[in-house]
Amino acid sequence: MKATISRDSLWLTIQSLSLSNQKWLAGKLQQNIREQEEASEEFISKEEVLAGIDAGLKELKLMREGKLNVCSAEDFLEELRDGD
């Protein structure tokens, strides 16, 4: 069973806590935010972006020259469905 509470009710509950408990909660929230931000930070360097663009353009050139076999999106999805 999942309990729900409105933001307003949550805020009133937090305000009813003692100052020391509010400080403890604030510290826990800040720590949680820092950990989530660190986990979600994914840095891609300029060089990595440019290398990806370069590789894509080279692949496109090979496809246009007929040197790289490609299939349509429909064919690709069908292969995934069939498990081939």
N, C-alpha and C. Protein backbone atom coordinates (compact mmCIF):
# COMPACT_ATOMS: atom_id res chain seq x y z
N MET A 1 0.84 -1.18 0.00
CA MET A 1 0.00 0.00 0.00
C MET A 1 0.89 1.24 0.00
N LYS A 2 0.58 2.16 -0.88
CA LYS A 2 1.39 3.35 -1.03
C LYS A 2 0.65 4.54 -0.42
N ALA A 3 1.29 5.22 0.49
CA ALA A 3 0.68 6.40 1.13
C ALA A 3 1.02 7.64 0.31
N THR A 4 0.09 8.54 0.20
CA THR A 4 0.35 9.79 -0.50
C THR A 4 0.02 10.95 0.44
N ILE A 5 0.71 12.07 0.18
CA ILE A 5 0.48 13.27 0.98
C ILE A 5 0.68 14.46 0.06
N SER A 6 -0.12 15.48 0.23
CA SER A 6 0.02 16.65 -0.63
C SER A 6 1.27 17.43 -0.22
N ARG A 7 1.74 18.24 -1.12
CA ARG A 7 2.91 19.08 -0.81
C ARG A 7 2.63 20.02 0.35
N ASP A 8 1.43 20.57 0.33
CA ASP A 8 1.06 21.49 1.42
C ASP A 8 1.06 20.78 2.77
N SER A 9 0.51 19.57 2.79
CA SER A 9 0.49 18.80 4.04
C SER A 9 1.91 18.45 4.47
N LEU A 10 2.73 18.10 3.49
CA LEU A 10 4.12 17.77 3.80
C LEU A 10 4.83 18.99 4.38
N TRP A 11 4.61 20.15 3.78
CA TRP A 11 5.23 21.38 4.26
C TRP A 11 4.79 21.69 5.69
N LEU A 12 3.51 21.53 5.96
CA LEU A 12 3.02 21.78 7.32
C LEU A 12 3.65 20.81 8.32
N THR A 13 3.82 19.57 7.90
CA THR A 13 4.45 18.58 8.76
C THR A 13 5.90 18.96 9.05
N ILE A 14 6.61 19.39 8.01
CA ILE A 14 8.01 19.79 8.19
C ILE A 14 8.10 20.99 9.12
N GLN A 15 7.20 21.95 8.95
CA GLN A 15 7.21 23.14 9.80
C GLN A 15 6.93 22.79 11.25
N SER A 16 6.22 21.71 11.48
CA SER A 16 5.88 21.33 12.86
C SER A 16 7.05 20.64 13.57
N LEU A 17 8.10 20.27 12.83
CA LEU A 17 9.26 19.62 13.43
C LEU A 17 10.06 20.61 14.26
N SER A 18 10.81 20.10 15.20
CA SER A 18 11.70 20.96 15.97
C SER A 18 12.80 21.49 15.06
N LEU A 19 13.44 22.55 15.48
CA LEU A 19 14.50 23.16 14.68
C LEU A 19 15.62 22.16 14.41
N SER A 20 15.99 21.39 15.41
CA SER A 20 17.08 20.42 15.21
C SER A 20 16.68 19.34 14.19
N ASN A 21 15.42 18.91 14.23
CA ASN A 21 14.96 17.93 13.24
C ASN A 21 14.87 18.53 11.84
N GLN A 22 14.50 19.81 11.75
CA GLN A 22 14.45 20.48 10.45
C GLN A 22 15.86 20.58 9.86
N LYS A 23 16.84 20.91 10.72
CA LYS A 23 18.23 21.00 10.25
C LYS A 23 18.73 19.63 9.79
N TRP A 24 18.39 18.58 10.54
CA TRP A 24 18.78 17.23 10.17
C TRP A 24 18.18 16.87 8.81
N LEU A 25 16.89 17.16 8.64
CA LEU A 25 16.20 16.87 7.38
C LEU A 25 16.81 17.65 6.23
N ALA A 26 17.12 18.92 6.47
CA ALA A 26 17.74 19.76 5.43
C ALA A 26 19.07 19.16 4.99
N GLY A 27 19.86 18.72 5.95
CA GLY A 27 21.14 18.09 5.61
C GLY A 27 20.97 16.83 4.79
N LYS A 28 20.01 16.00 5.17
CA LYS A 28 19.74 14.77 4.42
C LYS A 28 19.28 15.08 3.00
N LEU A 29 18.41 16.09 2.86
CA LEU A 29 17.93 16.47 1.54
C LEU A 29 19.07 17.00 0.67
N GLN A 30 19.93 17.83 1.24
CA GLN A 30 21.07 18.36 0.48
C GLN A 30 22.00 17.24 0.06
N GLN A 31 22.25 16.29 0.94
CA GLN A 31 23.11 15.16 0.61
C GLN A 31 22.49 14.34 -0.52
N ASN A 32 21.20 14.10 -0.44
CA ASN A 32 20.50 13.34 -1.48
C ASN A 32 20.58 14.05 -2.82
N ILE A 33 20.37 15.37 -2.82
CA ILE A 33 20.44 16.15 -4.05
C ILE A 33 21.83 16.07 -4.65
N ARG A 34 22.88 16.24 -3.82
CA ARG A 34 24.26 16.15 -4.32
C ARG A 34 24.54 14.80 -4.95
N GLU A 35 24.10 13.73 -4.28
CA GLU A 35 24.35 12.39 -4.79
C GLU A 35 23.64 12.16 -6.12
N GLN A 36 22.42 12.65 -6.23
CA GLN A 36 21.68 12.48 -7.49
C GLN A 36 22.30 13.30 -8.61
N GLU A 37 22.76 14.51 -8.30
CA GLU A 37 23.40 15.34 -9.32
C GLU A 37 24.71 14.71 -9.79
N GLU A 38 25.49 14.18 -8.86
CA GLU A 38 26.75 13.54 -9.23
C GLU A 38 26.50 12.31 -10.09
N ALA A 39 25.46 11.55 -9.77
CA ALA A 39 25.14 10.34 -10.53
C ALA A 39 24.63 10.68 -11.93
N SER A 40 23.95 11.81 -12.07
CA SER A 40 23.36 12.14 -13.37
C SER A 40 24.29 12.96 -14.26
N GLU A 41 25.37 13.48 -13.70
CA GLU A 41 26.30 14.27 -14.51
C GLU A 41 27.04 13.35 -15.46
N GLU A 42 26.82 13.61 -16.73
CA GLU A 42 27.52 12.84 -17.75
C GLU A 42 28.17 13.85 -18.68
N PHE A 43 29.47 13.91 -18.63
CA PHE A 43 30.19 14.92 -19.39
C PHE A 43 30.70 14.32 -20.68
N ILE A 44 30.38 14.97 -21.78
CA ILE A 44 30.90 14.57 -23.08
C ILE A 44 31.76 15.72 -23.57
N SER A 45 33.00 15.42 -23.84
CA SER A 45 33.93 16.46 -24.26
C SER A 45 33.65 16.90 -25.69
N LYS A 46 34.16 18.05 -26.03
CA LYS A 46 34.03 18.57 -27.39
C LYS A 46 34.63 17.59 -28.39
N GLU A 47 35.76 17.01 -28.03
CA GLU A 47 36.44 16.06 -28.91
C GLU A 47 35.57 14.83 -29.16
N GLU A 48 34.88 14.36 -28.11
CA GLU A 48 34.01 13.19 -28.27
C GLU A 48 32.83 13.51 -29.19
N VAL A 49 32.27 14.70 -29.05
CA VAL A 49 31.16 15.11 -29.90
C VAL A 49 31.62 15.19 -31.35
N LEU A 50 32.76 15.84 -31.57
CA LEU A 50 33.27 15.98 -32.93
C LEU A 50 33.64 14.63 -33.54
N ALA A 51 34.19 13.72 -32.73
CA ALA A 51 34.53 12.39 -33.23
C ALA A 51 33.26 11.63 -33.62
N GLY A 52 32.20 11.77 -32.86
CA GLY A 52 30.94 11.12 -33.19
C GLY A 52 30.35 11.66 -34.48
N ILE A 53 30.41 12.97 -34.67
CA ILE A 53 29.91 13.58 -35.90
C ILE A 53 30.75 13.11 -37.08
N ASP A 54 32.06 13.10 -36.91
CA ASP A 54 32.96 12.65 -37.98
C ASP A 54 32.67 11.20 -38.38
N ALA A 55 32.50 10.34 -37.39
CA ALA A 55 32.20 8.93 -37.68
C ALA A 55 30.87 8.80 -38.41
N GLY A 56 29.88 9.56 -38.01
CA GLY A 56 28.58 9.51 -38.67
C GLY A 56 28.66 9.98 -40.12
N LEU A 57 29.42 11.05 -40.37
CA LEU A 57 29.56 11.55 -41.73
C LEU A 57 30.31 10.57 -42.61
N LYS A 58 31.33 9.93 -42.06
CA LYS A 58 32.07 8.92 -42.83
C LYS A 58 31.17 7.74 -43.18
N GLU A 59 30.33 7.33 -42.23
CA GLU A 59 29.40 6.23 -42.47
C GLU A 59 28.38 6.63 -43.53
N LEU A 60 27.89 7.85 -43.48
CA LEU A 60 26.95 8.34 -44.48
C LEU A 60 27.58 8.34 -45.86
N LYS A 61 28.84 8.75 -45.95
CA LYS A 61 29.55 8.76 -47.23
C LYS A 61 29.66 7.35 -47.79
N LEU A 62 30.01 6.38 -46.93
CA LEU A 62 30.12 5.00 -47.37
C LEU A 62 28.76 4.46 -47.85
N MET A 63 27.69 4.84 -47.16
CA MET A 63 26.36 4.40 -47.57
C MET A 63 26.01 4.96 -48.94
N ARG A 64 26.31 6.23 -49.16
CA ARG A 64 25.99 6.86 -50.45
C ARG A 64 26.82 6.27 -51.58
N GLU A 65 28.05 5.83 -51.26
CA GLU A 65 28.91 5.22 -52.27
C GLU A 65 28.57 3.75 -52.50
N GLY A 66 27.66 3.22 -51.73
CA GLY A 66 27.26 1.83 -51.87
C GLY A 66 28.25 0.86 -51.25
N LYS A 67 29.14 1.34 -50.43
CA LYS A 67 30.17 0.50 -49.80
C LYS A 67 29.74 -0.02 -48.44
N LEU A 68 28.57 0.41 -47.99
CA LEU A 68 28.07 -0.02 -46.69
C LEU A 68 26.62 -0.44 -46.85
N ASN A 69 26.35 -1.69 -46.48
CA ASN A 69 24.98 -2.21 -46.60
C ASN A 69 24.13 -1.63 -45.48
N VAL A 70 22.97 -1.13 -45.85
CA VAL A 70 22.04 -0.58 -44.87
C VAL A 70 20.67 -1.20 -45.09
N CYS A 71 19.86 -1.16 -44.05
CA CYS A 71 18.49 -1.63 -44.18
C CYS A 71 17.56 -0.55 -43.66
N SER A 72 16.31 -0.66 -44.03
CA SER A 72 15.33 0.34 -43.59
C SER A 72 15.02 0.14 -42.11
N ALA A 73 14.41 1.13 -41.52
CA ALA A 73 14.03 1.02 -40.11
C ALA A 73 13.03 -0.11 -39.92
N GLU A 74 12.12 -0.26 -40.89
CA GLU A 74 11.14 -1.35 -40.80
C GLU A 74 11.82 -2.71 -40.79
N ASP A 75 12.82 -2.89 -41.69
CA ASP A 75 13.55 -4.16 -41.73
C ASP A 75 14.31 -4.41 -40.43
N PHE A 76 14.90 -3.35 -39.90
CA PHE A 76 15.63 -3.48 -38.64
C PHE A 76 14.71 -3.92 -37.51
N LEU A 77 13.56 -3.26 -37.42
CA LEU A 77 12.60 -3.62 -36.36
C LEU A 77 12.08 -5.04 -36.55
N GLU A 78 11.89 -5.44 -37.79
CA GLU A 78 11.42 -6.81 -38.05
C GLU A 78 12.47 -7.83 -37.60
N GLU A 79 13.75 -7.51 -37.85
CA GLU A 79 14.82 -8.40 -37.39
C GLU A 79 14.81 -8.50 -35.88
N LEU A 80 14.57 -7.40 -35.19
CA LEU A 80 14.52 -7.43 -33.73
C LEU A 80 13.36 -8.29 -33.24
N ARG A 81 12.21 -8.15 -33.91
CA ARG A 81 11.04 -8.94 -33.52
C ARG A 81 11.26 -10.43 -33.74
N ASP A 82 11.93 -10.76 -34.86
CA ASP A 82 12.15 -12.17 -35.20
C ASP A 82 13.28 -12.79 -34.39
N GLY A 83 14.10 -11.96 -33.78
CA GLY A 83 15.21 -12.46 -32.97
C GLY A 83 16.37 -12.96 -33.79
N ASP A 84 16.44 -12.56 -35.05
CA ASP A 84 17.56 -12.99 -35.92
C ASP A 84 18.83 -12.25 -35.59
